[in-house]
């Protein structure tokens, strides 16, 4: 089951997280979309509930998971 969230962020427009496969897709405000595999549910939850999704992305996702542009 996938969860889609739109964000009010200067860098991130939308996140899609598949709870079954632990795949995270992030669409940035410039239109690029990246896919990240094996993202734990807790990391995703921390990302989308943070006060700044962009800052949380930089701290939790960017340098910890390999992203592939789709």
PDB file of N, CA and C in Angstrom:
ATOM      1  N   UNK A   1       0.846  -1.168   0.000  1.00  0.00           N
ATOM      2  CA  UNK A   1       0.000   0.000   0.000  1.00  0.00           C
ATOM      3  C   UNK A   1       0.901   1.244   0.000  1.00  0.00           C
ATOM      4  N   UNK A   2       0.622   2.166  -0.893  1.00  0.00           N
ATOM      5  CA  UNK A   2       1.427   3.380  -1.001  1.00  0.00           C
ATOM      6  C   UNK A   2       0.702   4.563  -0.358  1.00  0.00           C
ATOM      7  N   UNK A   3       1.495   5.413   0.274  1.00  0.00           N
ATOM      8  CA  UNK A   3       0.977   6.620   0.915  1.00  0.00           C
ATOM      9  C   UNK A   3       1.559   7.820   0.168  1.00  0.00           C
ATOM     10  N   UNK A   4       0.689   8.688  -0.324  1.00  0.00           N
ATOM     11  CA  UNK A   4       1.103   9.872  -1.077  1.00  0.00           C
ATOM     12  C   UNK A   4       0.865  11.104  -0.210  1.00  0.00           C
ATOM     13  N   UNK A   5       1.906  11.949  -0.116  1.00  0.00           N
ATOM     14  CA  UNK A   5       1.766  13.183   0.657  1.00  0.00           C
ATOM     15  C   UNK A   5       2.312  14.349  -0.150  1.00  0.00           C
ATOM     16  N   UNK A   6       1.547  15.426  -0.201  1.00  0.00           N
ATOM     17  CA  UNK A   6       2.005  16.686  -0.798  1.00  0.00           C
ATOM     18  C   UNK A   6       2.594  17.534   0.323  1.00  0.00           C
ATOM     19  N   UNK A   7       3.616  18.314  -0.014  1.00  0.00           N
ATOM     20  CA  UNK A   7       4.314  19.085   1.013  1.00  0.00           C
ATOM     21  C   UNK A   7       4.392  20.560   0.643  1.00  0.00           C
ATOM     22  N   UNK A   8       4.387  21.398   1.660  1.00  0.00           N
ATOM     23  CA  UNK A   8       4.639  22.828   1.490  1.00  0.00           C
ATOM     24  C   UNK A   8       6.112  23.046   1.799  1.00  0.00           C
ATOM     25  N   UNK A   9       6.924  22.827   0.801  1.00  0.00           N
ATOM     26  CA  UNK A   9       8.367  22.907   0.970  1.00  0.00           C
ATOM     27  C   UNK A   9       8.946  23.646  -0.221  1.00  0.00           C
ATOM     28  N   UNK A  10      10.031  24.335  -0.003  1.00  0.00           N
ATOM     29  CA  UNK A  10      10.661  25.051  -1.117  1.00  0.00           C
ATOM     30  C   UNK A  10      11.432  24.098  -2.025  1.00  0.00           C
ATOM     31  N   UNK A  11      11.652  22.860  -1.589  1.00  0.00           N
ATOM     32  CA  UNK A  11      12.423  21.906  -2.396  1.00  0.00           C
ATOM     33  C   UNK A  11      11.677  20.618  -2.727  1.00  0.00           C
ATOM     34  N   UNK A  12      10.776  20.191  -1.874  1.00  0.00           N
ATOM     35  CA  UNK A  12      10.089  18.905  -2.065  1.00  0.00           C
ATOM     36  C   UNK A  12       8.606  19.142  -2.264  1.00  0.00           C
ATOM     37  N   UNK A  13       8.101  18.582  -3.367  1.00  0.00           N
ATOM     38  CA  UNK A  13       6.686  18.740  -3.712  1.00  0.00           C
ATOM     39  C   UNK A  13       5.840  17.583  -3.172  1.00  0.00           C
ATOM     40  N   UNK A  14       6.350  16.341  -3.325  1.00  0.00           N
ATOM     41  CA  UNK A  14       5.527  15.183  -2.989  1.00  0.00           C
ATOM     42  C   UNK A  14       6.404  14.009  -2.579  1.00  0.00           C
ATOM     43  N   UNK A  15       5.901  13.215  -1.649  1.00  0.00           N
ATOM     44  CA  UNK A  15       6.533  11.941  -1.295  1.00  0.00           C
ATOM     45  C   UNK A  15       5.504  10.833  -1.487  1.00  0.00           C
ATOM     46  N   UNK A  16       5.999   9.698  -1.952  1.00  0.00           N
ATOM     47  CA  UNK A  16       5.174   8.496  -2.086  1.00  0.00           C
ATOM     48  C   UNK A  16       5.960   7.379  -1.421  1.00  0.00           C
ATOM     49  N   UNK A  17       5.359   6.753  -0.419  1.00  0.00           N
ATOM     50  CA  UNK A  17       6.038   5.682   0.311  1.00  0.00           C
ATOM     51  C   UNK A  17       5.210   4.418   0.226  1.00  0.00           C
ATOM     52  N   UNK A  18       5.847   3.335  -0.221  1.00  0.00           N
ATOM     53  CA  UNK A  18       5.190   2.037  -0.285  1.00  0.00           C
ATOM     54  C   UNK A  18       5.537   1.272   0.989  1.00  0.00           C
ATOM     55  N   UNK A  19       4.547   1.060   1.826  1.00  0.00           N
ATOM     56  CA  UNK A  19       4.759   0.405   3.116  1.00  0.00           C
ATOM     57  C   UNK A  19       5.135  -1.065   2.969  1.00  0.00           C
ATOM     58  N   UNK A  20       4.789  -1.678   1.845  1.00  0.00           N
ATOM     59  CA  UNK A  20       5.118  -3.092   1.638  1.00  0.00           C
ATOM     60  C   UNK A  20       6.555  -3.284   1.165  1.00  0.00           C
ATOM     61  N   UNK A  21       7.016  -2.434   0.247  1.00  0.00           N
ATOM     62  CA  UNK A  21       8.355  -2.599  -0.330  1.00  0.00           C
ATOM     63  C   UNK A  21       9.396  -1.671   0.290  1.00  0.00           C
ATOM     64  N   UNK A  22       8.950  -0.707   1.108  1.00  0.00           N
ATOM     65  CA  UNK A  22       9.827   0.285   1.734  1.00  0.00           C
ATOM     66  C   UNK A  22      10.536   1.157   0.700  1.00  0.00           C
ATOM     67  N   UNK A  23       9.838   1.389  -0.408  1.00  0.00           N
ATOM     68  CA  UNK A  23      10.370   2.256  -1.455  1.00  0.00           C
ATOM     69  C   UNK A  23       9.799   3.659  -1.286  1.00  0.00           C
ATOM     70  N   UNK A  24      10.673   4.644  -1.356  1.00  0.00           N
ATOM     71  CA  UNK A  24      10.287   6.041  -1.217  1.00  0.00           C
ATOM     72  C   UNK A  24      10.576   6.770  -2.516  1.00  0.00           C
ATOM     73  N   UNK A  25       9.580   7.464  -3.035  1.00  0.00           N
ATOM     74  CA  UNK A  25       9.774   8.324  -4.193  1.00  0.00           C
ATOM     75  C   UNK A  25       9.573   9.756  -3.742  1.00  0.00           C
ATOM     76  N   UNK A  26      10.493  10.601  -4.144  1.00  0.00           N
ATOM     77  CA  UNK A  26      10.411  12.015  -3.801  1.00  0.00           C
ATOM     78  C   UNK A  26      10.413  12.817  -5.088  1.00  0.00           C
ATOM     79  N   UNK A  27       9.402  13.663  -5.239  1.00  0.00           N
ATOM     80  CA  UNK A  27       9.347  14.587  -6.360  1.00  0.00           C
ATOM     81  C   UNK A  27       9.707  15.964  -5.843  1.00  0.00           C
ATOM     82  N   UNK A  28      10.736  16.525  -6.457  1.00  0.00           N
ATOM     83  CA  UNK A  28      11.223  17.839  -6.058  1.00  0.00           C
ATOM     84  C   UNK A  28      10.463  18.922  -6.812  1.00  0.00           C
ATOM     85  N   UNK A  29      10.545  20.136  -6.327  1.00  0.00           N
ATOM     86  CA  UNK A  29       9.782  21.230  -6.931  1.00  0.00           C
ATOM     87  C   UNK A  29      10.241  21.549  -8.347  1.00  0.00           C
ATOM     88  N   UNK A  30      11.433  21.103  -8.738  1.00  0.00           N
ATOM     89  CA  UNK A  30      11.898  21.323 -10.110  1.00  0.00           C
ATOM     90  C   UNK A  30      11.401  20.242 -11.063  1.00  0.00           C
ATOM     91  N   UNK A  31      10.595  19.298 -10.544  1.00  0.00           N
ATOM     92  CA  UNK A  31       9.988  18.263 -11.375  1.00  0.00           C
ATOM     93  C   UNK A  31      10.732  16.940 -11.398  1.00  0.00           C
ATOM     94  N   UNK A  32      11.945  16.901 -10.890  1.00  0.00           N
ATOM     95  CA  UNK A  32      12.692  15.633 -10.853  1.00  0.00           C
ATOM     96  C   UNK A  32      12.122  14.723  -9.773  1.00  0.00           C
ATOM     97  N   UNK A  33      12.111  13.417 -10.086  1.00  0.00           N
ATOM     98  CA  UNK A  33      11.649  12.413  -9.132  1.00  0.00           C
ATOM     99  C   UNK A  33      12.743  11.384  -8.936  1.00  0.00           C
ATOM    100  N   UNK A  34      12.996  11.067  -7.680  1.00  0.00           N
ATOM    101  CA  UNK A  34      14.002  10.068  -7.331  1.00  0.00           C
ATOM    102  C   UNK A  34      13.355   8.962  -6.517  1.00  0.00           C
ATOM    103  N   UNK A  35      13.881   7.750  -6.714  1.00  0.00           N
ATOM    104  CA  UNK A  35      13.400   6.579  -5.982  1.00  0.00           C
ATOM    105  C   UNK A  35      14.506   6.103  -5.040  1.00  0.00           C
ATOM    106  N   UNK A  36      14.124   5.825  -3.796  1.00  0.00           N
ATOM    107  CA  UNK A  36      15.042   5.328  -2.774  1.00  0.00           C
ATOM    108  C   UNK A  36      14.492   4.008  -2.258  1.00  0.00           C
ATOM    109  N   UNK A  37      15.327   2.983  -2.216  1.00  0.00           N
ATOM    110  CA  UNK A  37      14.892   1.657  -1.780  1.00  0.00           C
ATOM    111  C   UNK A  37      15.305   1.386  -0.336  1.00  0.00           C
ATOM    112  N   UNK A  38      14.567   0.492   0.290  1.00  0.00           N
ATOM    113  CA  UNK A  38      14.856   0.009   1.646  1.00  0.00           C
ATOM    114  C   UNK A  38      14.888   1.120   2.696  1.00  0.00           C
ATOM    115  N   UNK A  39      13.970   2.065   2.565  1.00  0.00           N
ATOM    116  CA  UNK A  39      13.858   3.153   3.539  1.00  0.00           C
ATOM    117  C   UNK A  39      12.938   2.662   4.669  1.00  0.00           C
ATOM    118  N   UNK A  40      13.445   2.578   5.886  1.00  0.00           N
ATOM    119  CA  UNK A  40      12.604   2.097   6.989  1.00  0.00           C
ATOM    120  C   UNK A  40      11.394   3.011   7.214  1.00  0.00           C
ATOM    121  N   UNK A  41      10.325   2.396   7.655  1.00  0.00           N
ATOM    122  CA  UNK A  41       9.091   3.143   7.910  1.00  0.00           C
ATOM    123  C   UNK A  41       9.317   4.279   8.902  1.00  0.00           C
ATOM    124  N   UNK A  42      10.104   4.050   9.937  1.00  0.00           N
ATOM    125  CA  UNK A  42      10.382   5.087  10.925  1.00  0.00           C
ATOM    126  C   UNK A  42      11.097   6.287  10.316  1.00  0.00           C
ATOM    127  N   UNK A  43      12.012   6.037   9.392  1.00  0.00           N
ATOM    128  CA  UNK A  43      12.721   7.126   8.713  1.00  0.00           C
ATOM    129  C   UNK A  43      11.745   7.934   7.876  1.00  0.00           C
ATOM    130  N   UNK A  44      10.869   7.238   7.158  1.00  0.00           N
ATOM    131  CA  UNK A  44       9.848   7.928   6.355  1.00  0.00           C
ATOM    132  C   UNK A  44       8.943   8.769   7.263  1.00  0.00           C
ATOM    133  N   UNK A  45       8.493   8.209   8.355  1.00  0.00           N
ATOM    134  CA  UNK A  45       7.607   8.930   9.272  1.00  0.00           C
ATOM    135  C   UNK A  45       8.299  10.169   9.821  1.00  0.00           C
ATOM    136  N   UNK A  46       9.559  10.022  10.193  1.00  0.00           N
ATOM    137  CA  UNK A  46      10.313  11.175  10.695  1.00  0.00           C
ATOM    138  C   UNK A  46      10.444  12.252   9.613  1.00  0.00           C
ATOM    139  N   UNK A  47      10.647  11.840   8.376  1.00  0.00           N
ATOM    140  CA  UNK A  47      10.743  12.782   7.253  1.00  0.00           C
ATOM    141  C   UNK A  47       9.474  13.597   7.095  1.00  0.00           C
ATOM    142  N   UNK A  48       8.335  12.922   6.993  1.00  0.00           N
ATOM    143  CA  UNK A  48       7.089  13.621   6.654  1.00  0.00           C
ATOM    144  C   UNK A  48       6.450  14.345   7.831  1.00  0.00           C
ATOM    145  N   UNK A  49       6.897  14.068   9.044  1.00  0.00           N
ATOM    146  CA  UNK A  49       6.337  14.765  10.200  1.00  0.00           C
ATOM    147  C   UNK A  49       7.254  15.865  10.719  1.00  0.00           C
ATOM    148  N   UNK A  50       8.378  16.058  10.073  1.00  0.00           N
ATOM    149  CA  UNK A  50       9.327  17.072  10.533  1.00  0.00           C
ATOM    150  C   UNK A  50       8.821  18.477  10.201  1.00  0.00           C
ATOM    151  N   UNK A  51       9.320  19.449  10.931  1.00  0.00           N
ATOM    152  CA  UNK A  51       8.948  20.851  10.692  1.00  0.00           C
ATOM    153  C   UNK A  51       9.453  21.329   9.337  1.00  0.00           C
ATOM    154  N   UNK A  52      10.580  20.783   8.879  1.00  0.00           N
ATOM    155  CA  UNK A  52      11.142  21.135   7.573  1.00  0.00           C
ATOM    156  C   UNK A  52      11.458  19.845   6.825  1.00  0.00           C
ATOM    157  N   UNK A  53      10.639  19.525   5.831  1.00  0.00           N
ATOM    158  CA  UNK A  53      10.834  18.293   5.063  1.00  0.00           C
ATOM    159  C   UNK A  53      12.161  18.345   4.303  1.00  0.00           C
ATOM    160  N   UNK A  54      12.519  19.514   3.797  1.00  0.00           N
ATOM    161  CA  UNK A  54      13.785  19.649   3.072  1.00  0.00           C
ATOM    162  C   UNK A  54      14.983  19.375   3.961  1.00  0.00           C
ATOM    163  N   UNK A  55      14.987  19.944   5.155  1.00  0.00           N
ATOM    164  CA  UNK A  55      16.081  19.692   6.108  1.00  0.00           C
ATOM    165  C   UNK A  55      16.119  18.226   6.521  1.00  0.00           C
ATOM    166  N   UNK A  56      14.950  17.669   6.762  1.00  0.00           N
ATOM    167  CA  UNK A  56      14.886  16.265   7.150  1.00  0.00           C
ATOM    168  C   UNK A  56      15.383  15.370   6.015  1.00  0.00           C
ATOM    169  N   UNK A  57      15.051  15.706   4.780  1.00  0.00           N
ATOM    170  CA  UNK A  57      15.558  14.945   3.636  1.00  0.00           C
ATOM    171  C   UNK A  57      17.087  14.955   3.643  1.00  0.00           C
ATOM    172  N   UNK A  58      17.664  16.134   3.832  1.00  0.00           N
ATOM    173  CA  UNK A  58      19.128  16.244   3.841  1.00  0.00           C
ATOM    174  C   UNK A  58      19.752  15.420   4.968  1.00  0.00           C
ATOM    175  N   UNK A  59      19.127  15.400   6.117  1.00  0.00           N
ATOM    176  CA  UNK A  59      19.671  14.679   7.267  1.00  0.00           C
ATOM    177  C   UNK A  59      19.403  13.177   7.234  1.00  0.00           C
ATOM    178  N   UNK A  60      18.237  12.777   6.724  1.00  0.00           N
ATOM    179  CA  UNK A  60      17.804  11.385   6.842  1.00  0.00           C
ATOM    180  C   UNK A  60      17.950  10.545   5.577  1.00  0.00           C
ATOM    181  N   UNK A  61      17.873  11.179   4.420  1.00  0.00           N
ATOM    182  CA  UNK A  61      17.779  10.420   3.169  1.00  0.00           C
ATOM    183  C   UNK A  61      18.966  10.655   2.242  1.00  0.00           C
ATOM    184  N   UNK A  62      19.271  11.897   1.956  1.00  0.00           N
ATOM    185  CA  UNK A  62      20.198  12.260   0.874  1.00  0.00           C
ATOM    186  C   UNK A  62      21.518  11.492   0.892  1.00  0.00           C
ATOM    187  N   UNK A  63      22.212  11.467   1.985  1.00  0.00           N
ATOM    188  CA  UNK A  63      23.526  10.812   2.026  1.00  0.00           C
ATOM    189  C   UNK A  63      23.492   9.396   2.597  1.00  0.00           C
ATOM    190  N   UNK A  64      22.311   8.902   2.893  1.00  0.00           N
ATOM    191  CA  UNK A  64      22.195   7.565   3.508  1.00  0.00           C
ATOM    192  C   UNK A  64      21.625   6.511   2.570  1.00  0.00           C
ATOM    193  N   UNK A  65      20.901   6.937   1.545  1.00  0.00           N
ATOM    194  CA  UNK A  65      20.279   6.014   0.609  1.00  0.00           C
ATOM    195  C   UNK A  65      20.643   6.418  -0.803  1.00  0.00           C
ATOM    196  N   UNK A  66      20.897   5.432  -1.670  1.00  0.00           N
ATOM    197  CA  UNK A  66      21.177   5.726  -3.062  1.00  0.00           C
ATOM    198  C   UNK A  66      19.881   6.058  -3.775  1.00  0.00           C
ATOM    199  N   UNK A  67      19.839   7.212  -4.400  1.00  0.00           N
ATOM    200  CA  UNK A  67      18.653   7.631  -5.134  1.00  0.00           C
ATOM    201  C   UNK A  67      18.846   7.432  -6.627  1.00  0.00           C
ATOM    202  N   UNK A  68      17.798   6.979  -7.273  1.00  0.00           N
ATOM    203  CA  UNK A  68      17.826   6.770  -8.706  1.00  0.00           C
ATOM    204  C   UNK A  68      16.753   7.646  -9.330  1.00  0.00           C
ATOM    205  N   UNK A  69      17.146   8.480 -10.280  1.00  0.00           N
ATOM    206  CA  UNK A  69      16.164   9.344 -10.931  1.00  0.00           C
ATOM    207  C   UNK A  69      15.258   8.508 -11.811  1.00  0.00           C
ATOM    208  N   UNK A  70      13.969   8.779 -11.716  1.00  0.00           N
ATOM    209  CA  UNK A  70      13.003   7.998 -12.515  1.00  0.00           C
ATOM    210  C   UNK A  70      12.523   8.786 -13.701  1.00  0.00           C
TER     211      UNK A  70
END
